Amino acid sequence: MSHAGSVLCLNLLLFLHVVAHFRNNAQQQWPVPYRRVDSRPAADSFCEALFPFCPTGDGDGRIPSMRDGDVISVYRLQTPVWEFKYGDLLGKLHIMHDAIGFSSSETGSNFTVEWYELFQLGNCTFPHIRPEEYAPFWCNQGAACFFGGIEDLHWSQNGTLEKIGEITGNQFNDMAQWVQDDNETGIYYETWTVRSDPSPNATVWFESYDCSQFVHRTYRKLTELGAKLSSKSQTNYTKIYLFSGEPTYLGNDSSIFGQPALKNLAGDIRTFYHTFRPHQTFVDFAVSLLEAYEKVVLEKSFYLYYNFEYWHLPMKPPYIQISYEEVPLP
């Protein structure tokens, strides 16, 4: 490499270091705010779901209007993830899915609204490593689904189906418009909540954006619209935590994978995510578990993709934790 080229690479590395230091120490807000978009883009045709998204409902989250004077019952719904396939298996690990049900007193019609991954949880948590593309490829969109009916057995057998309040038809219609707006601008699913440690006063570095967070946002909106919500049982929700020291901002696809000077970082990110690739054989999966343990626990390193940007997490014990904790109704 020529002297001029060496100087250019050195200046680039120094510039990226200064930018990262500035973001992390001078201006960084914790937790990092979830970045919304102006409108939802179409999903890439490469992304495929094992189970179709919103098969019996409106995948754009559109909800029919109710008469203003109607009285609508509001239901808290919770069931183990993939209960339709595995029953209560994931419920024993407190890995739960959340939704909201509604029932019209005038028509007797029931409805369910939920927000979840377009292409299943694995695709939202880890990317694909494609030979033809250097940057990891993400299929991490989530969206609202509205459909007619409340599947009583699905929610009540191993979970929760509880009436928590009533709203007017007018309040329901205002909420329905809010759901569409929320769905159009909040487009990607985030599995992890990242904290400094398990204590109550820990710093939260990143918040998850998942089915339970949609339920919480909707409850808050209903409360803003004048609804009174209450539960006779403890309102617990699933959180999947990573624990780390202060994260370091790394950059986005173009700033990492488009710069020859950062090829080592780009290669390390690709290697990290390759460990979590889908469709592995049993032997490959066993090897990948050992590789993940080495990277996350022994090397105390994790790469997080958030707001279409990469962060490095210096991991700390207990590293990862699934928690089923109370979040009171607003």
Protein backbone atom coordinates (compact mmCIF):
# COMPACT_ATOMS: atom_id res chain seq x y z
CA MET A 1 0.00 0.00 0.00
CA SER A 2 1.27 3.47 -0.85
CA HIS A 3 2.07 6.05 1.81
CA ALA A 4 -0.97 8.08 0.76
CA GLY A 5 -3.19 5.01 1.02
CA SER A 6 -1.86 4.17 4.48
CA VAL A 7 -2.53 7.70 5.67
CA LEU A 8 -6.07 7.56 4.25
CA CYS A 9 -6.82 4.28 6.06
CA LEU A 10 -5.35 5.61 9.30
CA ASN A 11 -7.44 8.78 9.05
CA LEU A 12 -10.56 6.71 8.38
CA LEU A 13 -9.98 4.53 11.46
CA LEU A 14 -9.31 7.58 13.61
CA PHE A 15 -12.47 9.23 12.31
CA LEU A 16 -14.62 6.17 13.08
CA HIS A 17 -13.07 5.92 16.55
CA VAL A 18 -13.88 9.58 17.25
CA VAL A 19 -17.44 9.17 15.98
CA ALA A 20 -17.98 6.08 18.15
CA HIS A 21 -16.47 7.79 21.19
CA PHE A 22 -18.63 10.88 20.62
CA ARG A 23 -21.82 8.84 20.27
CA ASN A 24 -21.12 6.65 23.28
CA ASN A 25 -19.89 9.29 25.69
CA ALA A 26 -21.08 12.76 24.69
CA GLN A 27 -24.52 12.38 23.16
CA GLN A 28 -25.69 8.83 23.71
CA GLN A 29 -29.12 8.34 25.23
CA TRP A 30 -29.85 5.14 27.17
CA PRO A 31 -31.86 3.19 26.40
CA VAL A 32 -31.27 3.84 22.70
CA PRO A 33 -34.61 5.11 21.29
CA TYR A 34 -36.31 2.75 18.85
CA ARG A 35 -36.12 4.32 15.39
CA ARG A 36 -39.37 4.60 13.47
CA VAL A 37 -39.72 4.97 9.70
CA ASP A 38 -41.99 7.08 7.52
CA SER A 39 -43.72 4.07 5.97
CA ARG A 40 -43.40 0.31 5.98
CA PRO A 41 -41.32 -1.12 3.11
CA ALA A 42 -42.24 -4.33 1.34
CA ALA A 43 -40.54 -7.42 2.74
CA ASP A 44 -37.77 -8.93 0.63
CA SER A 45 -38.85 -12.02 -1.33
CA PHE A 46 -35.83 -13.90 0.11
CA CYS A 47 -37.50 -13.93 3.53
CA GLU A 48 -39.78 -16.91 4.04
CA ALA A 49 -41.98 -17.86 6.98
CA LEU A 50 -42.29 -21.42 8.23
CA PHE A 51 -45.85 -20.50 9.20
CA PRO A 52 -47.68 -17.79 7.17
CA PHE A 53 -48.11 -14.42 8.85
CA CYS A 54 -51.69 -13.49 9.81
CA PRO A 55 -53.28 -16.31 7.75
CA THR A 56 -56.91 -15.54 8.64
CA GLY A 57 -56.76 -11.80 9.24
CA ASP A 58 -55.65 -8.43 7.94
CA GLY A 59 -51.86 -8.33 7.79
CA ASP A 60 -51.88 -4.54 7.52
CA GLY A 61 -53.55 -4.19 10.92
CA ARG A 62 -56.72 -2.63 9.48
CA ILE A 63 -59.66 -2.80 11.87
CA PRO A 64 -63.35 -2.23 11.01
CA SER A 65 -65.19 0.70 12.59
CA MET A 66 -67.66 0.32 15.45
CA ARG A 67 -70.71 2.43 16.17
CA ASP A 68 -69.75 5.25 18.57
CA GLY A 69 -72.25 4.16 21.22
CA ASP A 70 -71.26 0.49 21.20
CA VAL A 71 -69.73 -0.96 24.38
CA ILE A 72 -66.60 -2.98 23.65
CA SER A 73 -65.15 -5.41 26.18
CA VAL A 74 -61.32 -5.57 26.33
CA TYR A 75 -59.54 -8.86 27.06
CA ARG A 76 -55.98 -9.61 28.08
CA LEU A 77 -54.75 -12.62 26.10
CA GLN A 78 -51.62 -14.68 26.74
CA THR A 79 -50.51 -18.16 25.69
CA PRO A 80 -47.23 -20.10 25.34
CA VAL A 81 -45.32 -19.32 22.14
CA TRP A 82 -46.18 -21.90 19.44
CA GLU A 83 -48.87 -23.36 21.70
CA PHE A 84 -50.68 -24.63 18.59
CA LYS A 85 -47.70 -26.91 17.86
CA TYR A 86 -46.05 -27.65 21.22
CA GLY A 87 -48.83 -27.10 23.77
CA ASP A 88 -47.52 -25.84 27.13
CA LEU A 89 -43.87 -26.79 26.48
CA LEU A 90 -42.57 -23.23 26.09
CA GLY A 91 -45.01 -22.07 28.75
CA LYS A 92 -43.02 -24.08 31.30
CA LEU A 93 -40.08 -21.82 30.39
CA HIS A 94 -42.33 -18.74 30.66
CA ILE A 95 -41.89 -17.94 26.96
CA MET A 96 -45.29 -16.39 26.30
CA HIS A 97 -47.08 -14.61 23.46
CA ASP A 98 -49.43 -11.69 24.17
CA ALA A 99 -52.41 -10.17 22.37
CA ILE A 100 -55.60 -8.19 23.03
CA GLY A 101 -59.18 -9.30 22.46
CA PHE A 102 -62.31 -7.21 21.90
CA SER A 103 -66.01 -8.06 21.99
CA SER A 104 -68.89 -5.89 20.76
CA SER A 105 -72.00 -5.85 22.96
CA GLU A 106 -74.16 -4.69 20.03
CA THR A 107 -73.18 -7.28 17.43
CA GLY A 108 -71.68 -10.03 19.59
CA SER A 109 -68.63 -10.03 17.32
CA ASN A 110 -65.23 -10.86 18.80
CA PHE A 111 -61.83 -9.70 17.50
CA THR A 112 -58.16 -10.28 18.23
CA VAL A 113 -55.25 -7.93 17.52
CA GLU A 114 -51.62 -8.93 17.98
CA TRP A 115 -48.16 -7.88 16.80
CA TYR A 116 -45.52 -10.46 15.98
CA GLU A 117 -42.73 -11.55 13.61
CA LEU A 118 -43.42 -11.85 9.90
CA PHE A 119 -40.82 -14.61 9.53
CA GLN A 120 -40.66 -16.25 12.98
CA LEU A 121 -38.54 -15.43 15.98
CA GLY A 122 -35.26 -16.93 14.76
CA ASN A 123 -35.17 -14.71 11.68
CA CYS A 124 -35.85 -11.64 13.81
CA THR A 125 -33.09 -12.51 16.27
CA PHE A 126 -30.28 -13.53 13.91
CA PRO A 127 -29.58 -12.78 10.23
CA HIS A 128 -28.79 -14.95 7.23
CA ILE A 129 -25.20 -15.06 6.04
CA ARG A 130 -25.46 -15.18 2.25
CA PRO A 131 -22.43 -15.97 0.06
CA GLU A 132 -23.45 -13.37 -2.52
CA GLU A 133 -23.78 -10.55 0.05
CA TYR A 134 -21.03 -9.53 2.44
CA ALA A 135 -23.32 -7.79 4.93
CA PRO A 136 -25.61 -10.05 7.02
CA PHE A 137 -29.13 -10.19 5.60
CA TRP A 138 -31.98 -9.57 8.03
CA CYS A 139 -35.60 -10.77 7.84
CA ASN A 140 -36.62 -8.99 11.04
CA GLN A 141 -39.89 -7.24 10.28
CA GLY A 142 -42.80 -7.52 12.69
CA ALA A 143 -46.36 -6.29 12.15
CA ALA A 144 -49.87 -6.08 13.55
CA CYS A 145 -52.45 -8.72 12.67
CA PHE A 146 -56.19 -8.20 13.19
CA PHE A 147 -58.64 -11.05 12.75
CA GLY A 148 -62.20 -11.94 13.66
CA GLY A 149 -62.91 -14.12 16.67
CA ILE A 150 -61.16 -14.99 19.93
CA GLU A 151 -59.91 -18.58 20.08
CA ASP A 152 -60.99 -19.21 23.67
CA LEU A 153 -59.31 -22.60 24.09
CA HIS A 154 -56.03 -21.40 22.54
CA TRP A 155 -55.70 -18.58 25.09
CA SER A 156 -57.33 -20.05 28.19
CA GLN A 157 -56.08 -23.65 28.23
CA ASN A 158 -52.43 -22.88 29.02
CA GLY A 159 -52.50 -19.11 29.37
CA THR A 160 -54.81 -16.18 30.10
CA LEU A 161 -58.14 -14.92 28.80
CA GLU A 162 -59.35 -12.19 31.17
CA LYS A 163 -61.68 -9.24 30.73
CA ILE A 164 -59.84 -6.13 31.91
CA GLY A 165 -62.19 -3.30 30.95
CA GLU A 166 -64.74 -1.74 28.63
CA ILE A 167 -64.47 1.05 26.05
CA THR A 168 -66.89 2.86 23.79
CA GLY A 169 -67.09 2.32 20.06
CA ASN A 170 -65.60 5.77 19.56
CA GLN A 171 -62.59 4.90 21.75
CA PHE A 172 -62.21 1.65 19.83
CA ASN A 173 -62.17 3.49 16.50
CA ASP A 174 -59.54 5.95 17.75
CA MET A 175 -57.43 3.04 18.95
CA ALA A 176 -57.84 1.28 15.60
CA GLN A 177 -56.44 4.30 13.75
CA TRP A 178 -53.55 4.47 16.21
CA VAL A 179 -52.77 0.77 15.60
CA GLN A 180 -52.50 1.42 11.86
CA ASP A 181 -50.20 4.41 12.40
CA ASP A 182 -48.08 2.50 14.91
CA ASN A 183 -47.86 -0.48 12.57
CA GLU A 184 -46.81 1.63 9.59
CA THR A 185 -43.89 3.29 11.38
CA GLY A 186 -42.62 0.64 13.84
CA ILE A 187 -41.53 -2.12 11.49
CA TYR A 188 -38.80 -4.29 12.97
CA TYR A 189 -38.90 -6.83 15.77
CA GLU A 190 -36.28 -6.78 18.53
CA THR A 191 -35.94 -9.84 20.75
CA TRP A 192 -33.43 -8.63 23.32
CA THR A 193 -33.64 -6.28 26.25
CA VAL A 194 -30.06 -5.33 27.13
CA ARG A 195 -29.21 -4.23 30.69
CA SER A 196 -26.09 -3.56 32.72
CA ASP A 197 -27.01 -6.18 35.34
CA PRO A 198 -30.07 -7.97 36.84
CA SER A 199 -30.62 -5.47 39.68
CA PRO A 200 -33.75 -3.25 39.76
CA ASN A 201 -31.64 -0.09 39.33
CA ALA A 202 -29.67 -1.40 36.36
CA THR A 203 -29.09 0.76 33.29
CA VAL A 204 -31.18 -0.35 30.31
CA TRP A 205 -29.10 -0.07 27.14
CA PHE A 206 -31.72 -1.33 24.65
CA GLU A 207 -35.42 -2.14 24.95
CA SER A 208 -37.09 -5.05 23.17
CA TYR A 209 -39.80 -4.40 20.58
CA ASP A 210 -42.05 -7.44 20.52
CA CYS A 211 -45.59 -8.70 21.08
CA SER A 212 -45.73 -7.69 24.75
CA GLN A 213 -44.42 -4.19 24.01
CA PHE A 214 -47.23 -3.76 21.47
CA VAL A 215 -49.74 -4.82 24.12
CA HIS A 216 -48.28 -2.31 26.61
CA ARG A 217 -48.37 0.51 24.02
CA THR A 218 -52.00 -0.32 23.20
CA TYR A 219 -53.01 -0.39 26.86
CA ARG A 220 -51.36 3.02 27.36
CA LYS A 221 -53.20 4.39 24.32
CA LEU A 222 -56.53 3.08 25.59
CA THR A 223 -55.84 4.73 28.94
CA GLU A 224 -55.06 8.02 27.17
CA LEU A 225 -58.42 7.69 25.42
CA GLY A 226 -60.16 7.38 28.80
CA ALA A 227 -60.36 3.62 29.34
CA LYS A 228 -60.15 2.16 32.86
CA LEU A 229 -58.26 -1.13 32.80
CA SER A 230 -57.78 -3.51 35.73
CA SER A 231 -56.85 -7.14 36.31
CA LYS A 232 -57.67 -9.54 39.14
CA SER A 233 -54.44 -11.46 38.51
CA GLN A 234 -50.78 -10.50 38.31
CA THR A 235 -49.95 -9.25 34.83
CA ASN A 236 -46.64 -10.94 33.98
CA TYR A 237 -44.82 -10.80 30.65
CA THR A 238 -41.78 -12.49 29.10
CA LYS A 239 -38.48 -10.62 28.84
CA ILE A 240 -35.30 -12.05 27.35
CA TYR A 241 -32.29 -10.20 28.76
CA LEU A 242 -28.70 -9.81 27.72
CA PHE A 243 -26.33 -8.35 30.33
CA SER A 244 -23.37 -6.23 29.28
CA GLY A 245 -21.15 -3.30 30.07
CA GLU A 246 -21.67 -0.07 28.15
CA PRO A 247 -22.21 -0.89 24.45
CA THR A 248 -19.95 0.47 21.71
CA TYR A 249 -21.48 1.83 18.52
CA LEU A 250 -19.92 0.26 15.40
CA GLY A 251 -21.88 1.56 12.41
CA ASN A 252 -24.33 0.42 9.73
CA ASP A 253 -23.94 -1.92 6.75
CA SER A 254 -22.27 0.58 4.44
CA SER A 255 -19.86 1.97 7.04
CA ILE A 256 -18.70 -1.49 8.20
CA PHE A 257 -19.04 -3.84 5.23
CA GLY A 258 -18.22 -1.26 2.59
CA GLN A 259 -14.85 -0.21 4.06
CA PRO A 260 -11.72 -2.29 3.36
CA ALA A 261 -10.08 -0.79 6.45
CA LEU A 262 -12.74 -2.50 8.62
CA LYS A 263 -12.62 -5.92 6.98
CA ASN A 264 -11.52 -7.56 10.26
CA LEU A 265 -14.54 -6.16 12.11
CA ALA A 266 -16.85 -7.11 9.23
CA GLY A 267 -15.42 -10.63 9.19
CA ASP A 268 -15.82 -10.98 12.96
CA ILE A 269 -19.50 -9.95 12.75
CA ARG A 270 -20.12 -12.45 9.95
CA THR A 271 -18.37 -15.20 11.90
CA PHE A 272 -20.37 -14.40 15.03
CA TYR A 273 -23.72 -14.60 13.25
CA HIS A 274 -22.72 -17.67 11.24
CA THR A 275 -22.79 -19.54 14.54
CA PHE A 276 -26.53 -18.86 14.82
CA ARG A 277 -27.43 -19.66 11.19
CA PRO A 278 -30.74 -21.47 10.50
CA HIS A 279 -31.27 -24.98 9.12
CA GLN A 280 -28.26 -26.65 10.77
CA THR A 281 -27.77 -30.37 11.13
CA PHE A 282 -27.68 -31.82 14.63
CA VAL A 283 -23.89 -32.07 14.51
CA ASP A 284 -23.49 -28.52 13.20
CA PHE A 285 -25.88 -27.27 15.88
CA ALA A 286 -23.84 -28.94 18.64
CA VAL A 287 -20.66 -27.34 17.30
CA SER A 288 -22.43 -23.99 17.05
CA LEU A 289 -23.50 -24.18 20.70
CA LEU A 290 -19.86 -24.61 21.72
CA GLU A 291 -18.84 -21.71 19.47
CA ALA A 292 -21.57 -19.50 20.93
CA TYR A 293 -20.46 -20.36 24.47
CA GLU A 294 -16.88 -19.52 23.59
CA LYS A 295 -17.81 -16.17 22.03
CA VAL A 296 -20.45 -14.96 24.50
CA VAL A 297 -19.23 -16.43 27.81
CA LEU A 298 -15.50 -16.98 27.46
CA GLU A 299 -14.72 -14.02 25.18
CA LYS A 300 -17.61 -11.97 26.65
CA SER A 301 -18.60 -10.60 23.26
CA PHE A 302 -21.94 -10.13 21.47
CA TYR A 303 -22.93 -8.17 18.36
CA LEU A 304 -26.36 -6.53 18.52
CA TYR A 305 -28.25 -5.19 15.50
CA TYR A 306 -30.55 -2.34 16.52
CA ASN A 307 -32.03 0.51 14.44
CA PHE A 308 -30.30 -0.99 11.37
CA GLU A 309 -26.92 -0.46 13.07
CA TYR A 310 -24.41 -2.70 14.84
CA TRP A 311 -23.27 -2.42 18.45
CA HIS A 312 -20.73 -4.41 20.39
CA LEU A 313 -21.79 -5.67 23.82
CA PRO A 314 -19.06 -6.51 26.38
CA MET A 315 -20.97 -9.32 28.04
CA LYS A 316 -21.24 -9.82 31.80
CA PRO A 317 -22.59 -12.64 34.01
CA PRO A 318 -25.24 -13.97 34.02
CA TYR A 319 -24.99 -13.17 30.24
CA ILE A 320 -28.57 -14.13 29.29
CA GLN A 321 -31.79 -14.63 31.24
CA ILE A 322 -35.42 -15.35 30.49
CA SER A 323 -37.64 -13.55 32.98
CA TYR A 324 -41.38 -13.64 33.54
CA GLU A 325 -42.06 -10.43 35.40
CA GLU A 326 -44.95 -8.20 36.37
CA VAL A 327 -45.79 -5.10 34.35
CA PRO A 328 -48.88 -3.48 35.92
CA LEU A 329 -51.69 -2.20 33.75
CA PRO A 330 -51.55 1.58 33.22
